[in-house]
Structure formats: structure tokens, C-alpha cells
Amino acid sequence: MEKRCNSCNLNLTNDKSATSFKCPECNKEEVCRCGKCRKLGTVYVCKCGFEGP
């Protein structure tokens, strides 16, 4: 399964600036972020409802 940015839904396959981490709130869901959304501080929302920059 390909990873996609939680903010903009971009495919992260060739994005060297992308990152993924466990949600800081529930520590269960994986949050994926593209380089552009990371740089801009675009809000993401976890399935548990947590919102982060």
C-alpha cells in the first residue's frame, strides 16, 4: 500500500522530504507528511481526531 500525505493526499513514493510517525495523541495511527506540507505547516487530522501542524 502506498503512503499518502495526510494533509494533501500526495503520493509520497518519490518525496525525499516526506516523513511518517505515530500520532502523538493516540500513538496508534501512522501520520504521513509530504515535504511541502511539512514546510508550510499545513494542518493534518488523525483518525482519532487529533489535529497537528
PDB file of N, CA and C in Angstrom:
ATOM      1  N   MET A   1       0.842  -1.187   0.000  1.00  0.00           N
ATOM      2  CA  MET A   1       0.000   0.000   0.000  1.00  0.00           C
ATOM      3  C   MET A   1       0.887   1.250   0.000  1.00  0.00           C
ATOM      4  N   GLU A   2       0.613   2.153  -0.906  1.00  0.00           N
ATOM      5  CA  GLU A   2       1.418   3.365  -0.999  1.00  0.00           C
ATOM      6  C   GLU A   2       1.048   4.361   0.099  1.00  0.00           C
ATOM      7  N   LYS A   3       2.061   5.079   0.556  1.00  0.00           N
ATOM      8  CA  LYS A   3       1.812   6.095   1.582  1.00  0.00           C
ATOM      9  C   LYS A   3       1.395   7.394   0.911  1.00  0.00           C
ATOM     10  N   ARG A   4       0.466   8.095   1.567  1.00  0.00           N
ATOM     11  CA  ARG A   4      -0.027   9.374   1.066  1.00  0.00           C
ATOM     12  C   ARG A   4       0.002  10.395   2.196  1.00  0.00           C
ATOM     13  N   CYS A   5       0.207  11.649   1.842  1.00  0.00           N
ATOM     14  CA  CYS A   5       0.224  12.736   2.814  1.00  0.00           C
ATOM     15  C   CYS A   5      -1.164  12.882   3.443  1.00  0.00           C
ATOM     16  N   ASN A   6      -1.205  12.963   4.769  1.00  0.00           N
ATOM     17  CA  ASN A   6      -2.478  13.126   5.473  1.00  0.00           C
ATOM     18  C   ASN A   6      -3.118  14.481   5.197  1.00  0.00           C
ATOM     19  N   SER A   7      -2.340  15.475   4.793  1.00  0.00           N
ATOM     20  CA  SER A   7      -2.880  16.813   4.548  1.00  0.00           C
ATOM     21  C   SER A   7      -3.377  16.998   3.119  1.00  0.00           C
ATOM     22  N   CYS A   8      -2.539  16.658   2.137  1.00  0.00           N
ATOM     23  CA  CYS A   8      -2.882  16.957   0.737  1.00  0.00           C
ATOM     24  C   CYS A   8      -3.124  15.714  -0.117  1.00  0.00           C
ATOM     25  N   ASN A   9      -2.917  14.524   0.450  1.00  0.00           N
ATOM     26  CA  ASN A   9      -3.151  13.257  -0.231  1.00  0.00           C
ATOM     27  C   ASN A   9      -2.143  12.965  -1.343  1.00  0.00           C
ATOM     28  N   LEU A  10      -0.994  13.638  -1.353  1.00  0.00           N
ATOM     29  CA  LEU A  10       0.052  13.422  -2.350  1.00  0.00           C
ATOM     30  C   LEU A  10       0.704  12.060  -2.120  1.00  0.00           C
ATOM     31  N   ASN A  11       1.012  11.340  -3.199  1.00  0.00           N
ATOM     32  CA  ASN A  11       1.746  10.085  -3.109  1.00  0.00           C
ATOM     33  C   ASN A  11       3.176  10.397  -2.652  1.00  0.00           C
ATOM     34  N   LEU A  12       3.659   9.712  -1.629  1.00  0.00           N
ATOM     35  CA  LEU A  12       4.959  10.023  -1.034  1.00  0.00           C
ATOM     36  C   LEU A  12       6.103   9.165  -1.563  1.00  0.00           C
ATOM     37  N   THR A  13       5.860   8.369  -2.575  1.00  0.00           N
ATOM     38  CA  THR A  13       6.860   7.426  -3.067  1.00  0.00           C
ATOM     39  C   THR A  13       8.189   8.093  -3.411  1.00  0.00           C
ATOM     40  N   ASN A  14       8.210   9.190  -4.117  1.00  0.00           N
ATOM     41  CA  ASN A  14       9.457   9.827  -4.549  1.00  0.00           C
ATOM     42  C   ASN A  14       9.763  11.125  -3.806  1.00  0.00           C
ATOM     43  N   ASP A  15       9.117  11.366  -2.689  1.00  0.00           N
ATOM     44  CA  ASP A  15       9.327  12.594  -1.919  1.00  0.00           C
ATOM     45  C   ASP A  15      10.364  12.337  -0.833  1.00  0.00           C
ATOM     46  N   LYS A  16      11.586  12.817  -1.055  1.00  0.00           N
ATOM     47  CA  LYS A  16      12.672  12.586  -0.105  1.00  0.00           C
ATOM     48  C   LYS A  16      12.510  13.397   1.175  1.00  0.00           C
ATOM     49  N   SER A  17      11.665  14.413   1.156  1.00  0.00           N
ATOM     50  CA  SER A  17      11.422  15.242   2.338  1.00  0.00           C
ATOM     51  C   SER A  17      10.252  14.736   3.168  1.00  0.00           C
ATOM     52  N   ALA A  18       9.617  13.676   2.713  1.00  0.00           N
ATOM     53  CA  ALA A  18       8.445  13.139   3.411  1.00  0.00           C
ATOM     54  C   ALA A  18       8.860  12.457   4.709  1.00  0.00           C
ATOM     55  N   THR A  19       7.912  12.383   5.626  1.00  0.00           N
ATOM     56  CA  THR A  19       8.151  11.684   6.893  1.00  0.00           C
ATOM     57  C   THR A  19       6.875  10.983   7.329  1.00  0.00           C
ATOM     58  N   SER A  20       7.014  10.030   8.201  1.00  0.00           N
ATOM     59  CA  SER A  20       5.853   9.367   8.791  1.00  0.00           C
ATOM     60  C   SER A  20       6.172   9.080  10.252  1.00  0.00           C
ATOM     61  N   PHE A  21       5.139   9.127  11.079  1.00  0.00           N
ATOM     62  CA  PHE A  21       5.310   8.936  12.519  1.00  0.00           C
ATOM     63  C   PHE A  21       3.979   8.538  13.126  1.00  0.00           C
ATOM     64  N   LYS A  22       4.017   7.997  14.310  1.00  0.00           N
ATOM     65  CA  LYS A  22       2.796   7.639  15.032  1.00  0.00           C
ATOM     66  C   LYS A  22       2.135   8.913  15.545  1.00  0.00           C
ATOM     67  N   CYS A  23       0.820   8.925  15.563  1.00  0.00           N
ATOM     68  CA  CYS A  23       0.064  10.074  16.069  1.00  0.00           C
ATOM     69  C   CYS A  23       0.491  10.361  17.505  1.00  0.00           C
ATOM     70  N   PRO A  24       0.805  11.625  17.832  1.00  0.00           N
ATOM     71  CA  PRO A  24       1.220  11.959  19.191  1.00  0.00           C
ATOM     72  C   PRO A  24       0.109  11.800  20.228  1.00  0.00           C
ATOM     73  N   GLU A  25      -1.128  11.746  19.789  1.00  0.00           N
ATOM     74  CA  GLU A  25      -2.258  11.627  20.723  1.00  0.00           C
ATOM     75  C   GLU A  25      -2.597  10.166  21.014  1.00  0.00           C
ATOM     76  N   CYS A  26      -2.898   9.392  19.985  1.00  0.00           N
ATOM     77  CA  CYS A  26      -3.337   8.003  20.200  1.00  0.00           C
ATOM     78  C   CYS A  26      -2.194   6.991  20.104  1.00  0.00           C
ATOM     79  N   ASN A  27      -1.095   7.377  19.469  1.00  0.00           N
ATOM     80  CA  ASN A  27       0.084   6.526  19.293  1.00  0.00           C
ATOM     81  C   ASN A  27      -0.242   5.215  18.569  1.00  0.00           C
ATOM     82  N   LYS A  28      -1.313   5.211  17.774  1.00  0.00           N
ATOM     83  CA  LYS A  28      -1.711   4.013  17.029  1.00  0.00           C
ATOM     84  C   LYS A  28      -1.638   4.241  15.524  1.00  0.00           C
ATOM     85  N   GLU A  29      -2.229   5.325  15.064  1.00  0.00           N
ATOM     86  CA  GLU A  29      -2.312   5.604  13.625  1.00  0.00           C
ATOM     87  C   GLU A  29      -1.010   6.219  13.117  1.00  0.00           C
ATOM     88  N   GLU A  30      -0.648   5.871  11.879  1.00  0.00           N
ATOM     89  CA  GLU A  30       0.534   6.457  11.253  1.00  0.00           C
ATOM     90  C   GLU A  30       0.135   7.747  10.533  1.00  0.00           C
ATOM     91  N   VAL A  31       0.883   8.802  10.800  1.00  0.00           N
ATOM     92  CA  VAL A  31       0.675  10.088  10.142  1.00  0.00           C
ATOM     93  C   VAL A  31       1.790  10.242   9.114  1.00  0.00           C
ATOM     94  N   CYS A  32       1.433  10.540   7.873  1.00  0.00           N
ATOM     95  CA  CYS A  32       2.397  10.726   6.789  1.00  0.00           C
ATOM     96  C   CYS A  32       2.307  12.161   6.300  1.00  0.00           C
ATOM     97  N   ARG A  33       3.465  12.773   6.081  1.00  0.00           N
ATOM     98  CA  ARG A  33       3.510  14.173   5.665  1.00  0.00           C
ATOM     99  C   ARG A  33       4.481  14.345   4.506  1.00  0.00           C
ATOM    100  N   CYS A  34       4.045  15.062   3.461  1.00  0.00           N
ATOM    101  CA  CYS A  34       4.947  15.368   2.346  1.00  0.00           C
ATOM    102  C   CYS A  34       5.832  16.549   2.736  1.00  0.00           C
ATOM    103  N   GLY A  35       6.901  16.738   2.002  1.00  0.00           N
ATOM    104  CA  GLY A  35       7.833  17.814   2.296  1.00  0.00           C
ATOM    105  C   GLY A  35       7.200  19.195   2.218  1.00  0.00           C
ATOM    106  N   LYS A  36       6.321  19.401   1.264  1.00  0.00           N
ATOM    107  CA  LYS A  36       5.676  20.706   1.087  1.00  0.00           C
ATOM    108  C   LYS A  36       4.781  21.039   2.280  1.00  0.00           C
ATOM    109  N   CYS A  37       3.946  20.097   2.707  1.00  0.00           N
ATOM    110  CA  CYS A  37       3.052  20.343   3.842  1.00  0.00           C
ATOM    111  C   CYS A  37       3.840  20.518   5.136  1.00  0.00           C
ATOM    112  N   ARG A  38       4.950  19.799   5.279  1.00  0.00           N
ATOM    113  CA  ARG A  38       5.807  19.982   6.449  1.00  0.00           C
ATOM    114  C   ARG A  38       6.367  21.404   6.478  1.00  0.00           C
ATOM    115  N   LYS A  39       6.854  21.862   5.332  1.00  0.00           N
ATOM    116  CA  LYS A  39       7.456  23.201   5.248  1.00  0.00           C
ATOM    117  C   LYS A  39       6.427  24.296   5.518  1.00  0.00           C
ATOM    118  N   LEU A  40       5.211  24.126   4.982  1.00  0.00           N
ATOM    119  CA  LEU A  40       4.160  25.128   5.144  1.00  0.00           C
ATOM    120  C   LEU A  40       3.431  25.022   6.488  1.00  0.00           C
ATOM    121  N   GLY A  41       3.622  23.911   7.198  1.00  0.00           N
ATOM    122  CA  GLY A  41       2.919  23.714   8.470  1.00  0.00           C
ATOM    123  C   GLY A  41       1.438  23.460   8.284  1.00  0.00           C
ATOM    124  N   THR A  42       1.083  22.814   7.180  1.00  0.00           N
ATOM    125  CA  THR A  42      -0.314  22.503   6.876  1.00  0.00           C
ATOM    126  C   THR A  42      -0.887  21.549   7.926  1.00  0.00           C
ATOM    127  N   VAL A  43      -2.100  21.809   8.348  1.00  0.00           N
ATOM    128  CA  VAL A  43      -2.745  21.000   9.377  1.00  0.00           C
ATOM    129  C   VAL A  43      -3.054  19.599   8.852  1.00  0.00           C
ATOM    130  N   TYR A  44      -2.842  18.606   9.708  1.00  0.00           N
ATOM    131  CA  TYR A  44      -3.261  17.234   9.409  1.00  0.00           C
ATOM    132  C   TYR A  44      -4.225  16.796  10.496  1.00  0.00           C
ATOM    133  N   VAL A  45      -5.064  15.821  10.182  1.00  0.00           N
ATOM    134  CA  VAL A  45      -6.014  15.289  11.155  1.00  0.00           C
ATOM    135  C   VAL A  45      -5.857  13.773  11.200  1.00  0.00           C
ATOM    136  N   CYS A  46      -5.637  13.246  12.381  1.00  0.00           N
ATOM    137  CA  CYS A  46      -5.541  11.801  12.584  1.00  0.00           C
ATOM    138  C   CYS A  46      -6.955  11.221  12.630  1.00  0.00           C
ATOM    139  N   LYS A  47      -7.067   9.918  12.429  1.00  0.00           N
ATOM    140  CA  LYS A  47      -8.363   9.247  12.520  1.00  0.00           C
ATOM    141  C   LYS A  47      -8.965   9.370  13.909  1.00  0.00           C
ATOM    142  N   CYS A  48      -8.140   9.579  14.942  1.00  0.00           N
ATOM    143  CA  CYS A  48      -8.632   9.726  16.312  1.00  0.00           C
ATOM    144  C   CYS A  48      -9.181  11.127  16.569  1.00  0.00           C
ATOM    145  N   GLY A  49      -8.980  12.054  15.601  1.00  0.00           N
ATOM    146  CA  GLY A  49      -9.478  13.411  15.745  1.00  0.00           C
ATOM    147  C   GLY A  49      -8.424  14.430  16.117  1.00  0.00           C
ATOM    148  N   PHE A  50      -7.216  13.980  16.443  1.00  0.00           N
ATOM    149  CA  PHE A  50      -6.126  14.900  16.790  1.00  0.00           C
ATOM    150  C   PHE A  50      -5.723  15.723  15.580  1.00  0.00           C
ATOM    151  N   GLU A  51      -5.526  17.019  15.766  1.00  0.00           N
ATOM    152  CA  GLU A  51      -5.059  17.917  14.699  1.00  0.00           C
ATOM    153  C   GLU A  51      -3.690  18.435  15.061  1.00  0.00           C
ATOM    154  N   GLY A  52      -2.806  18.431  14.073  1.00  0.00           N
ATOM    155  CA  GLY A  52      -1.456  18.933  14.296  1.00  0.00           C
ATOM    156  C   GLY A  52      -0.969  19.724  13.109  1.00  0.00           C
ATOM    157  N   PRO A  53       0.068  20.499  13.328  1.00  0.00           N
ATOM    158  CA  PRO A  53       0.656  21.290  12.221  1.00  0.00           C
ATOM    159  C   PRO A  53       1.594  20.479  11.359  1.00  0.00           C
TER     160      PRO A  53
END
